[in-house]
Each structure stands twice: as C-alpha cells, then as structure tokens.
Amino acid sequence: MAAATSVVVLDRGNNTTCTINLHGATVVSWRVNNQEQLFVSKQAVFDGKKAIRGGIPFVFPQFGEWNYGPQHGFARITRWHLEKNPERMPSGDVEAIFSLMDNEFTRSMWSYPFRLTYRLILREKELHFNIGIYNPSKDLTFSFNLLLHTYFKVPDVRRCQITGLHGCTFIDKTRDGAMFQEARDVVTIGEWTDRIYQNTPQEHIITNVVSGRKMRIQKYNFPDTVVWNPWIEKAKETPDFGDDEYPNMICVESGHVSSPVILLPGTAFEASQILQVM
C-alpha cells in the first residue's frame, strides 16, 4: 500500500529520478543522469515533525514568521496524501499527484477548509510543478502565501549568477526589511542574503550549478522570487544545517509572498514552476 510508505519515487529511466517525502510533500532528490540537482543538508532531520532542511519544502499558508503557527506555515510539516501513484505517460514522462486537505492539525492553527493539489511531472531534463489551491467553503474567504523553497546544489555559490532580477525592487530581510532596487544585471552572492524580489519576470537562469551547468526556472502566478543563503554566521546558528555547507547551496524560490492571494468561496488558484537543466 502506498499509504504505508513515507517516500515516493518517480523514475524516468536513464538514472533520472525524483524522490518525494510525504512529510510536507517535500521533494528531497532530483537526479538527472544520476547527477543530484538539489541540496539537502547532511544534518537534515527526518523525524516526521520538523521541516526537512533542503530539497523543495512547500511553504503554505504563511511565508516567514507566523503568529498562529510554525514559521513558513504547516504544509511543509504535515503528511500529505499520495493522490495518484507515479505513472508513466505516453511521452515517457512520469507523473504523480499529492494532496492535502484541512484536518484537525491544520484547523488548530488556521480555521479554514481548503484543498491543495500538487502535481509533479519528471521529464528528461525538467521537473514540472503544478499547484492548485481550492476554497470549498460556501461563505469563508481566506488569504495565504505560497512558495516553493527550492535549495539548488552548487559547487561554489560565489560563482553563481542569477538572471532576471535587474531593476526589480526587493525587500532586504538582512537590513530590517528595507526596500531597494536591484541595479546589477546578474545577482551574485558573497554574504548573508535574504531578499524578496517583487514582480519578477517569469524566467531566471542560475549559472554554475552542478557540473558547471545552468538551471532555468520558469514560473507562472508566482510574482516574487526569494534569494537566500545563510552564509557563515547564520549557518552556525542553524542546528540542522552544517557550518560549512553554505557554499554548496543557493535558494532561488518562486513565491506569492509580498502580497497574499485572496481566495473567495468556491474558487481556486493555480501556480506552476518548471526547472530545467540546460
């Protein structure tokens, strides 16, 4: 039975796989021709309680600190349901669908009925994410944040460049949330970085990821892009993150976080992302 396991694997053949932990529906591995594309800390905790440090945690219904529950919301620390087992499509691509509905645990923090669906498609050099959020209520409107907290694995973060951020305004969480405008053509990282870039374009490219390749991010209905690296001091302060791991990861996160999505009764919201190894 699928329900008894905690890990689901999509296998496309040719050593191209995607592994999802049902705790948070967290993508914990994406291998393309046997090369891991995602960073997971060696100190990540897999206890079915704590959020998994790395891969692609699913942030909902709150981004950041939350008065009513854990940071980044409950979706990343709740066990999801495997709605549709991995299945090979005529194209050879492999698809699986995960879902989460309100339950006693979620309602203890956030008293709204909701339904989330998360469809993953593993292609030859791409991973597709399709998210649907539905409000089944007859009379309650709710608002939420949504973000895919992707940790990319890189040989040296100082050599990465991120395109598509020139001219965008950003909230700098390392400087008390002050607003700035990005003047650089490409963004590089050489210090503690925690920024919410607003109204970003639908595509970013990150250079010098695994094996010196490029990673393309395409996104739809995700108006924000968060860029994060804890650097030396913050890495030391984080118990489930190795002190020396920060050079080997970069978070470039598609989100809807600087303003919330407002979902009226009986309506749905959809967002999607495609990651492509170039």
C-alpha atoms as a PDB file:
ATOM      1  CA  MET A   1       0.000   0.000   0.000  1.00  0.00           C
ATOM      2  CA  ALA A   2       1.245   3.465  -0.898  1.00  0.00           C
ATOM      3  CA  ALA A   3      -0.079   4.847   2.387  1.00  0.00           C
ATOM      4  CA  ALA A   4       2.392   2.837   4.463  1.00  0.00           C
ATOM      5  CA  THR A   5       5.482   4.379   2.899  1.00  0.00           C
ATOM      6  CA  SER A   6       6.865   7.830   3.531  1.00  0.00           C
ATOM      7  CA  VAL A   7       8.790   8.199   0.261  1.00  0.00           C
ATOM      8  CA  VAL A   8       7.541   8.213  -3.339  1.00  0.00           C
ATOM      9  CA  VAL A   9       9.932   7.846  -6.291  1.00  0.00           C
ATOM     10  CA  LEU A  10       9.338   8.953  -9.866  1.00  0.00           C
ATOM     11  CA  ASP A  11      11.743   7.060 -12.152  1.00  0.00           C
ATOM     12  CA  ARG A  12      12.067   8.042 -15.787  1.00  0.00           C
ATOM     13  CA  GLY A  13      14.913   5.642 -16.562  1.00  0.00           C
ATOM     14  CA  ASN A  14      18.457   6.686 -17.543  1.00  0.00           C
ATOM     15  CA  ASN A  15      19.177   7.426 -13.858  1.00  0.00           C
ATOM     16  CA  THR A  16      16.700  10.304 -13.880  1.00  0.00           C
ATOM     17  CA  THR A  17      14.564  10.239 -10.742  1.00  0.00           C
ATOM     18  CA  CYS A  18      12.642  12.440  -8.349  1.00  0.00           C
ATOM     19  CA  THR A  19      12.028  11.472  -4.723  1.00  0.00           C
ATOM     20  CA  ILE A  20       9.255  12.994  -2.611  1.00  0.00           C
ATOM     21  CA  ASN A  21       8.949  12.582   1.134  1.00  0.00           C
ATOM     22  CA  LEU A  22       5.249  12.595   2.106  1.00  0.00           C
ATOM     23  CA  HIS A  23       6.249  14.649   5.163  1.00  0.00           C
ATOM     24  CA  GLY A  24       5.474  18.044   3.655  1.00  0.00           C
ATOM     25  CA  ALA A  25       5.351  16.544   0.141  1.00  0.00           C
ATOM     26  CA  THR A  26       8.991  17.650   0.179  1.00  0.00           C
ATOM     27  CA  VAL A  27      10.969  16.886  -2.968  1.00  0.00           C
ATOM     28  CA  VAL A  28      14.184  15.564  -1.394  1.00  0.00           C
ATOM     29  CA  SER A  29      16.040  14.469  -4.527  1.00  0.00           C
ATOM     30  CA  TRP A  30      16.047  15.234  -8.248  1.00  0.00           C
ATOM     31  CA  ARG A  31      18.659  13.396 -10.242  1.00  0.00           C
ATOM     32  CA  VAL A  32      19.259  13.994 -13.941  1.00  0.00           C
ATOM     33  CA  ASN A  33      21.528  11.323 -15.480  1.00  0.00           C
ATOM     34  CA  ASN A  34      22.469  10.379 -11.911  1.00  0.00           C
ATOM     35  CA  GLN A  35      23.515  13.938 -11.001  1.00  0.00           C
ATOM     36  CA  GLU A  36      21.792  15.344  -7.938  1.00  0.00           C
ATOM     37  CA  GLN A  37      20.400  18.833  -8.563  1.00  0.00           C
ATOM     38  CA  LEU A  38      19.061  19.623  -5.093  1.00  0.00           C
ATOM     39  CA  PHE A  39      20.844  20.346  -1.829  1.00  0.00           C
ATOM     40  CA  VAL A  40      19.791  18.546   1.355  1.00  0.00           C
ATOM     41  CA  SER A  41      21.791  19.244   4.495  1.00  0.00           C
ATOM     42  CA  LYS A  42      23.730  16.319   5.963  1.00  0.00           C
ATOM     43  CA  GLN A  43      22.177  17.413   9.267  1.00  0.00           C
ATOM     44  CA  ALA A  44      18.589  17.475   7.990  1.00  0.00           C
ATOM     45  CA  VAL A  45      16.154  15.845  10.438  1.00  0.00           C
ATOM     46  CA  PHE A  46      13.721  13.222   9.119  1.00  0.00           C
ATOM     47  CA  ASP A  47      11.541  12.720  12.196  1.00  0.00           C
ATOM     48  CA  GLY A  48       8.155  13.381  10.601  1.00  0.00           C
ATOM     49  CA  LYS A  49       7.836  16.542  12.731  1.00  0.00           C
ATOM     50  CA  LYS A  50      10.491  19.062  11.781  1.00  0.00           C
ATOM     51  CA  ALA A  51      10.621  20.623   8.301  1.00  0.00           C
ATOM     52  CA  ILE A  52      13.230  18.932   6.092  1.00  0.00           C
ATOM     53  CA  ARG A  53      16.302  21.151   5.650  1.00  0.00           C
ATOM     54  CA  GLY A  54      16.758  21.169   1.904  1.00  0.00           C
ATOM     55  CA  GLY A  55      15.184  19.871  -1.278  1.00  0.00           C
ATOM     56  CA  ILE A  56      11.963  21.757  -2.010  1.00  0.00           C
ATOM     57  CA  PRO A  57       9.853  22.472   1.087  1.00  0.00           C
ATOM     58  CA  PHE A  58       6.275  23.584   0.292  1.00  0.00           C
ATOM     59  CA  VAL A  59       5.505  26.872   2.081  1.00  0.00           C
ATOM     60  CA  PHE A  60       1.770  27.456   2.805  1.00  0.00           C
ATOM     61  CA  PRO A  61      -0.298  29.300   4.103  1.00  0.00           C
ATOM     62  CA  GLN A  62       2.335  31.647   5.566  1.00  0.00           C
ATOM     63  CA  PHE A  63       5.799  32.771   4.476  1.00  0.00           C
ATOM     64  CA  GLY A  64       8.157  33.677   7.322  1.00  0.00           C
ATOM     65  CA  GLU A  65       7.163  34.194  10.942  1.00  0.00           C
ATOM     66  CA  TRP A  66       3.563  33.349  11.771  1.00  0.00           C
ATOM     67  CA  ASN A  67       1.562  34.385  14.838  1.00  0.00           C
ATOM     68  CA  TYR A  68      -0.707  31.340  14.632  1.00  0.00           C
ATOM     69  CA  GLY A  69       1.718  28.506  13.988  1.00  0.00           C
ATOM     70  CA  PRO A  70       5.190  27.488  12.804  1.00  0.00           C
ATOM     71  CA  GLN A  71       7.387  29.614  10.554  1.00  0.00           C
ATOM     72  CA  HIS A  72       6.521  29.091   6.871  1.00  0.00           C
ATOM     73  CA  GLY A  73       3.166  27.521   7.775  1.00  0.00           C
ATOM     74  CA  PHE A  74       2.063  23.913   8.214  1.00  0.00           C
ATOM     75  CA  ALA A  75       2.164  22.394   4.708  1.00  0.00           C
ATOM     76  CA  ARG A  76       5.868  21.522   4.990  1.00  0.00           C
ATOM     77  CA  ILE A  77       5.409  19.706   8.312  1.00  0.00           C
ATOM     78  CA  THR A  78       2.167  17.849   7.553  1.00  0.00           C
ATOM     79  CA  ARG A  79       1.947  14.416   5.994  1.00  0.00           C
ATOM     80  CA  TRP A  80       0.403  14.664   2.526  1.00  0.00           C
ATOM     81  CA  HIS A  81      -1.712  12.101   0.710  1.00  0.00           C
ATOM     82  CA  LEU A  82      -0.493  10.351  -2.434  1.00  0.00           C
ATOM     83  CA  GLU A  83      -3.461  11.056  -4.677  1.00  0.00           C
ATOM     84  CA  LYS A  84      -2.087   9.376  -7.780  1.00  0.00           C
ATOM     85  CA  ASN A  85       0.768   6.875  -7.835  1.00  0.00           C
ATOM     86  CA  PRO A  86       3.679   7.622 -10.182  1.00  0.00           C
ATOM     87  CA  GLU A  87       2.534   6.753 -13.676  1.00  0.00           C
ATOM     88  CA  ARG A  88       4.345   6.790 -16.992  1.00  0.00           C
ATOM     89  CA  MET A  89       2.683   8.995 -19.581  1.00  0.00           C
ATOM     90  CA  PRO A  90       2.729   8.253 -23.357  1.00  0.00           C
ATOM     91  CA  SER A  91       5.601  10.760 -23.687  1.00  0.00           C
ATOM     92  CA  GLY A  92       7.710   8.624 -21.328  1.00  0.00           C
ATOM     93  CA  ASP A  93       7.484  11.295 -18.639  1.00  0.00           C
ATOM     94  CA  VAL A  94       6.376  10.256 -15.153  1.00  0.00           C
ATOM     95  CA  GLU A  95       3.633  11.971 -13.176  1.00  0.00           C
ATOM     96  CA  ALA A  96       2.423  11.781  -9.574  1.00  0.00           C
ATOM     97  CA  ILE A  97      -0.162  13.834  -7.675  1.00  0.00           C
ATOM     98  CA  PHE A  98      -0.140  14.714  -3.962  1.00  0.00           C
ATOM     99  CA  SER A  99      -2.882  16.392  -1.980  1.00  0.00           C
ATOM    100  CA  LEU A 100      -3.534  17.994   1.364  1.00  0.00           C
ATOM    101  CA  MET A 101      -6.871  18.921   2.923  1.00  0.00           C
ATOM    102  CA  ASP A 102      -7.648  20.725   6.136  1.00  0.00           C
ATOM    103  CA  ASN A 103      -7.578  18.426   9.154  1.00  0.00           C
ATOM    104  CA  GLU A 104      -7.592  18.743  12.918  1.00  0.00           C
ATOM    105  CA  PHE A 105      -3.914  19.750  12.961  1.00  0.00           C
ATOM    106  CA  THR A 106      -4.269  22.499  10.314  1.00  0.00           C
ATOM    107  CA  ARG A 107      -7.532  23.802  11.789  1.00  0.00           C
ATOM    108  CA  SER A 108      -5.878  24.143  15.208  1.00  0.00           C
ATOM    109  CA  MET A 109      -3.820  26.980  13.635  1.00  0.00           C
ATOM    110  CA  TRP A 110      -5.861  28.117  10.671  1.00  0.00           C
ATOM    111  CA  SER A 111      -9.596  27.520  10.813  1.00  0.00           C
ATOM    112  CA  TYR A 112     -10.338  27.364   7.080  1.00  0.00           C
ATOM    113  CA  PRO A 113     -11.335  24.477   4.865  1.00  0.00           C
ATOM    114  CA  PHE A 114      -9.005  24.102   1.869  1.00  0.00           C
ATOM    115  CA  ARG A 115      -7.732  21.587  -0.649  1.00  0.00           C
ATOM    116  CA  LEU A 116      -4.244  21.602  -2.152  1.00  0.00           C
ATOM    117  CA  THR A 117      -3.148  19.530  -5.114  1.00  0.00           C
ATOM    118  CA  TYR A 118       0.490  19.211  -6.130  1.00  0.00           C
ATOM    119  CA  ARG A 119       1.227  17.563  -9.458  1.00  0.00           C
ATOM    120  CA  LEU A 120       4.810  16.686 -10.311  1.00  0.00           C
ATOM    121  CA  ILE A 121       5.974  15.642 -13.763  1.00  0.00           C
ATOM    122  CA  LEU A 122       9.500  14.306 -14.279  1.00  0.00           C
ATOM    123  CA  ARG A 123      10.809  14.854 -17.792  1.00  0.00           C
ATOM    124  CA  GLU A 124      14.188  14.073 -19.319  1.00  0.00           C
ATOM    125  CA  LYS A 125      15.879  17.239 -18.075  1.00  0.00           C
ATOM    126  CA  GLU A 126      12.954  19.022 -16.440  1.00  0.00           C
ATOM    127  CA  LEU A 127      10.815  18.859 -13.336  1.00  0.00           C
ATOM    128  CA  HIS A 128       7.330  20.409 -13.546  1.00  0.00           C
ATOM    129  CA  PHE A 129       5.300  21.561 -10.542  1.00  0.00           C
ATOM    130  CA  ASN A 130       1.581  22.331 -10.864  1.00  0.00           C
ATOM    131  CA  ILE A 131      -0.190  23.616  -7.763  1.00  0.00           C
ATOM    132  CA  GLY A 132      -3.926  24.054  -7.247  1.00  0.00           C
ATOM    133  CA  ILE A 133      -5.474  25.612  -4.139  1.00  0.00           C
ATOM    134  CA  TYR A 134      -9.230  25.383  -3.742  1.00  0.00           C
ATOM    135  CA  ASN A 135     -11.545  27.060  -1.238  1.00  0.00           C
ATOM    136  CA  PRO A 136     -14.532  24.710  -0.765  1.00  0.00           C
ATOM    137  CA  SER A 137     -16.286  26.993   1.725  1.00  0.00           C
ATOM    138  CA  LYS A 138     -19.732  28.447   0.996  1.00  0.00           C
ATOM    139  CA  ASP A 139     -19.072  31.684   2.868  1.00  0.00           C
ATOM    140  CA  LEU A 140     -15.464  31.994   4.113  1.00  0.00           C
ATOM    141  CA  THR A 141     -12.794  33.891   2.190  1.00  0.00           C
ATOM    142  CA  PHE A 142      -9.177  33.181   3.116  1.00  0.00           C
ATOM    143  CA  SER A 143      -5.806  34.679   2.199  1.00  0.00           C
ATOM    144  CA  PHE A 144      -2.472  32.900   2.017  1.00  0.00           C
ATOM    145  CA  ASN A 145       1.159  32.951   0.923  1.00  0.00           C
ATOM    146  CA  LEU A 146       2.606  30.211  -1.266  1.00  0.00           C
ATOM    147  CA  LEU A 147       6.247  29.457  -2.075  1.00  0.00           C
ATOM    148  CA  LEU A 148       8.454  26.630  -3.323  1.00  0.00           C
ATOM    149  CA  HIS A 149      11.571  26.894  -1.136  1.00  0.00           C
ATOM    150  CA  THR A 150      13.989  25.313  -3.625  1.00  0.00           C
ATOM    151  CA  TYR A 151      17.534  24.547  -2.451  1.00  0.00           C
ATOM    152  CA  PHE A 152      19.771  24.099  -5.502  1.00  0.00           C
ATOM    153  CA  LYS A 153      23.016  22.194  -5.122  1.00  0.00           C
ATOM    154  CA  VAL A 154      26.049  24.140  -6.391  1.00  0.00           C
ATOM    155  CA  PRO A 155      29.828  23.578  -6.302  1.00  0.00           C
ATOM    156  CA  ASP A 156      30.510  27.147  -5.086  1.00  0.00           C
ATOM    157  CA  VAL A 157      27.733  29.684  -4.515  1.00  0.00           C
ATOM    158  CA  ARG A 158      30.191  32.565  -5.026  1.00  0.00           C
ATOM    159  CA  ARG A 159      30.446  31.589  -8.702  1.00  0.00           C
ATOM    160  CA  CYS A 160      26.688  31.509  -9.375  1.00  0.00           C
ATOM    161  CA  GLN A 161      24.904  34.283 -11.236  1.00  0.00           C
ATOM    162  CA  ILE A 162      21.129  34.746 -11.246  1.00  0.00           C
ATOM    163  CA  THR A 163      19.483  36.494 -14.197  1.00  0.00           C
ATOM    164  CA  GLY A 164      16.155  38.296 -14.447  1.00  0.00           C
ATOM    165  CA  LEU A 165      16.365  40.475 -11.324  1.00  0.00           C
ATOM    166  CA  HIS A 166      17.793  43.713 -12.764  1.00  0.00           C
ATOM    167  CA  GLY A 167      15.546  46.680 -11.966  1.00  0.00           C
ATOM    168  CA  CYS A 168      13.314  44.733  -9.564  1.00  0.00           C
ATOM    169  CA  THR A 169      12.524  46.156  -6.142  1.00  0.00           C
ATOM    170  CA  PHE A 170      13.369  43.876  -3.232  1.00  0.00           C
ATOM    171  CA  ILE A 171      12.754  43.635   0.491  1.00  0.00           C
ATOM    172  CA  ASP A 172      16.087  43.021   2.217  1.00  0.00           C
ATOM    173  CA  LYS A 173      15.447  40.928   5.324  1.00  0.00           C
ATOM    174  CA  THR A 174      19.109  41.292   6.356  1.00  0.00           C
ATOM    175  CA  ARG A 175      18.514  45.064   6.656  1.00  0.00           C
ATOM    176  CA  ASP A 176      15.294  45.173   8.690  1.00  0.00           C
ATOM    177  CA  GLY A 177      13.060  44.733   5.646  1.00  0.00           C
ATOM    178  CA  ALA A 178      14.229  47.929   3.910  1.00  0.00           C
ATOM    179  CA  MET A 179      13.304  48.252   0.216  1.00  0.00           C
ATOM    180  CA  PHE A 180      15.914  48.598  -2.517  1.00  0.00           C
ATOM    181  CA  GLN A 181      16.111  48.343  -6.290  1.00  0.00           C
ATOM    182  CA  GLU A 182      18.445  45.808  -7.904  1.00  0.00           C
ATOM    183  CA  ALA A 183      20.994  47.630 -10.083  1.00  0.00           C
ATOM    184  CA  ARG A 184      23.045  44.590 -11.122  1.00  0.00           C
ATOM    185  CA  ASP A 185      22.456  42.793 -14.424  1.00  0.00           C
ATOM    186  CA  VAL A 186      23.098  39.494 -12.663  1.00  0.00           C
ATOM    187  CA  VAL A 187      22.838  38.826  -8.949  1.00  0.00           C
ATOM    188  CA  THR A 188      25.749  37.154  -7.185  1.00  0.00           C
ATOM    189  CA  ILE A 189      26.103  36.049  -3.561  1.00  0.00           C
ATOM    190  CA  GLY A 190      29.068  36.788  -1.323  1.00  0.00           C
ATOM    191  CA  GLU A 191      27.439  37.304   2.078  1.00  0.00           C
ATOM    192  CA  TRP A 192      24.316  36.505   4.102  1.00  0.00           C
ATOM    193  CA  THR A 193      21.482  37.080   1.635  1.00  0.00           C
ATOM    194  CA  ASP A 194      17.727  37.045   2.299  1.00  0.00           C
ATOM    195  CA  ARG A 195      15.753  39.021  -0.260  1.00  0.00           C
ATOM    196  CA  ILE A 196      12.211  39.057  -1.593  1.00  0.00           C
ATOM    197  CA  TYR A 197      12.368  40.350  -5.169  1.00  0.00           C
ATOM    198  CA  GLN A 198       8.980  41.641  -6.318  1.00  0.00           C
ATOM    199  CA  ASN A 199       7.216  41.485  -9.682  1.00  0.00           C
ATOM    200  CA  THR A 200       9.972  39.359 -11.137  1.00  0.00           C
ATOM    201  CA  PRO A 201       9.877  38.053 -14.718  1.00  0.00           C
ATOM    202  CA  GLN A 202       8.691  34.527 -15.493  1.00  0.00           C
ATOM    203  CA  GLU A 203      12.201  33.213 -16.069  1.00  0.00           C
ATOM    204  CA  HIS A 204      15.516  33.130 -14.216  1.00  0.00           C
ATOM    205  CA  ILE A 205      18.718  31.329 -15.090  1.00  0.00           C
ATOM    206  CA  ILE A 206      21.249  30.310 -12.444  1.00  0.00           C
ATOM    207  CA  THR A 207      24.760  29.705 -13.771  1.00  0.00           C
ATOM    208  CA  ASN A 208      27.407  27.321 -12.414  1.00  0.00           C
ATOM    209  CA  VAL A 209      25.114  24.822 -10.761  1.00  0.00           C
ATOM    210  CA  VAL A 210      26.075  21.111 -10.693  1.00  0.00           C
ATOM    211  CA  SER A 211      28.856  20.296 -13.209  1.00  0.00           C
ATOM    212  CA  GLY A 212      29.053  23.948 -14.241  1.00  0.00           C
ATOM    213  CA  ARG A 213      25.698  23.771 -15.986  1.00  0.00           C
ATOM    214  CA  LYS A 214      22.830  26.256 -15.986  1.00  0.00           C
ATOM    215  CA  MET A 215      19.451  25.864 -14.328  1.00  0.00           C
ATOM    216  CA  ARG A 216      16.418  27.555 -15.842  1.00  0.00           C
ATOM    217  CA  ILE A 217      13.452  28.446 -13.630  1.00  0.00           C
ATOM    218  CA  GLN A 218      10.160  29.239 -15.344  1.00  0.00           C
ATOM    219  CA  LYS A 219       7.207  30.269 -13.198  1.00  0.00           C
ATOM    220  CA  TYR A 220       3.561  31.197 -13.579  1.00  0.00           C
ATOM    221  CA  ASN A 221       1.436  33.055 -10.985  1.00  0.00           C
ATOM    222  CA  PHE A 222       4.489  33.394  -8.748  1.00  0.00           C
ATOM    223  CA  PRO A 223       5.178  37.165  -8.793  1.00  0.00           C
ATOM    224  CA  ASP A 224       8.012  37.029  -6.237  1.00  0.00           C
ATOM    225  CA  THR A 225      11.455  35.442  -6.239  1.00  0.00           C
ATOM    226  CA  VAL A 226      13.215  34.891  -2.914  1.00  0.00           C
ATOM    227  CA  VAL A 227      17.017  34.564  -2.906  1.00  0.00           C
ATOM    228  CA  TRP A 228      18.565  33.151   0.260  1.00  0.00           C
ATOM    229  CA  ASN A 229      21.898  31.904   1.564  1.00  0.00           C
ATOM    230  CA  PRO A 230      22.629  31.859   5.317  1.00  0.00           C
ATOM    231  CA  TRP A 231      26.407  32.388   4.940  1.00  0.00           C
ATOM    232  CA  ILE A 232      28.813  31.646   7.796  1.00  0.00           C
ATOM    233  CA  GLU A 233      27.209  33.114  10.925  1.00  0.00           C
ATOM    234  CA  LYS A 234      23.612  32.090  10.193  1.00  0.00           C
ATOM    235  CA  ALA A 235      24.749  28.585   9.189  1.00  0.00           C
ATOM    236  CA  LYS A 236      26.375  28.227  12.623  1.00  0.00           C
ATOM    237  CA  GLU A 237      23.141  29.344  14.307  1.00  0.00           C
ATOM    238  CA  THR A 238      21.059  26.721  12.463  1.00  0.00           C
ATOM    239  CA  PRO A 239      21.219  23.302  14.183  1.00  0.00           C
ATOM    240  CA  ASP A 240      20.031  21.245  11.195  1.00  0.00           C
ATOM    241  CA  PHE A 241      22.461  22.915   8.780  1.00  0.00           C
ATOM    242  CA  GLY A 242      26.206  22.136   8.665  1.00  0.00           C
ATOM    243  CA  ASP A 243      28.525  25.046   9.486  1.00  0.00           C
ATOM    244  CA  ASP A 244      30.464  24.516   6.248  1.00  0.00           C
ATOM    245  CA  GLU A 245      27.556  23.716   3.884  1.00  0.00           C
ATOM    246  CA  TYR A 246      26.552  27.237   2.827  1.00  0.00           C
ATOM    247  CA  PRO A 247      28.920  27.398  -0.223  1.00  0.00           C
ATOM    248  CA  ASN A 248      27.187  24.339  -1.707  1.00  0.00           C
ATOM    249  CA  MET A 249      23.633  25.664  -1.873  1.00  0.00           C
ATOM    250  CA  ILE A 250      21.605  28.529  -3.231  1.00  0.00           C
ATOM    251  CA  CYS A 251      17.901  29.075  -2.640  1.00  0.00           C
ATOM    252  CA  VAL A 252      16.031  30.684  -5.520  1.00  0.00           C
ATOM    253  CA  GLU A 253      12.376  30.394  -4.576  1.00  0.00           C
ATOM    254  CA  SER A 254       9.263  31.060  -6.664  1.00  0.00           C
ATOM    255  CA  GLY A 255       6.575  32.553  -4.464  1.00  0.00           C
ATOM    256  CA  HIS A 256       3.478  34.635  -3.929  1.00  0.00           C
ATOM    257  CA  VAL A 257       4.576  36.223  -0.662  1.00  0.00           C
ATOM    258  CA  SER A 258       4.957  40.002  -0.742  1.00  0.00           C
ATOM    259  CA  SER A 259       1.178  40.276  -1.025  1.00  0.00           C
ATOM    260  CA  PRO A 260      -1.229  37.453  -0.150  1.00  0.00           C
ATOM    261  CA  VAL A 261      -3.528  35.583  -2.506  1.00  0.00           C
ATOM    262  CA  ILE A 262      -7.161  36.224  -1.528  1.00  0.00           C
ATOM    263  CA  LEU A 263      -9.346  33.219  -2.333  1.00  0.00           C
ATOM    264  CA  LEU A 264     -13.112  33.697  -2.413  1.00  0.00           C
ATOM    265  CA  PRO A 265     -15.547  30.889  -1.506  1.00  0.00           C
ATOM    266  CA  GLY A 266     -15.788  28.217  -4.191  1.00  0.00           C
ATOM    267  CA  THR A 267     -12.801  29.499  -6.172  1.00  0.00           C
ATOM    268  CA  ALA A 268      -9.345  28.148  -6.990  1.00  0.00           C
ATOM    269  CA  PHE A 269      -5.851  29.495  -7.508  1.00  0.00           C
ATOM    270  CA  GLU A 270      -3.217  27.842  -9.696  1.00  0.00           C
ATOM    271  CA  ALA A 271       0.528  28.361  -9.940  1.00  0.00           C
ATOM    272  CA  SER A 272       3.308  26.416 -11.599  1.00  0.00           C
ATOM    273  CA  GLN A 273       7.047  26.134 -11.984  1.00  0.00           C
ATOM    274  CA  ILE A 274       9.384  24.337 -14.367  1.00  0.00           C
ATOM    275  CA  LEU A 275      13.007  23.602 -13.502  1.00  0.00           C
ATOM    276  CA  GLN A 276      15.227  22.727 -16.444  1.00  0.00           C
ATOM    277  CA  VAL A 277      18.849  21.617 -16.532  1.00  0.00           C
ATOM    278  CA  MET A 278      20.373  23.344 -19.553  1.00  0.00           C
END
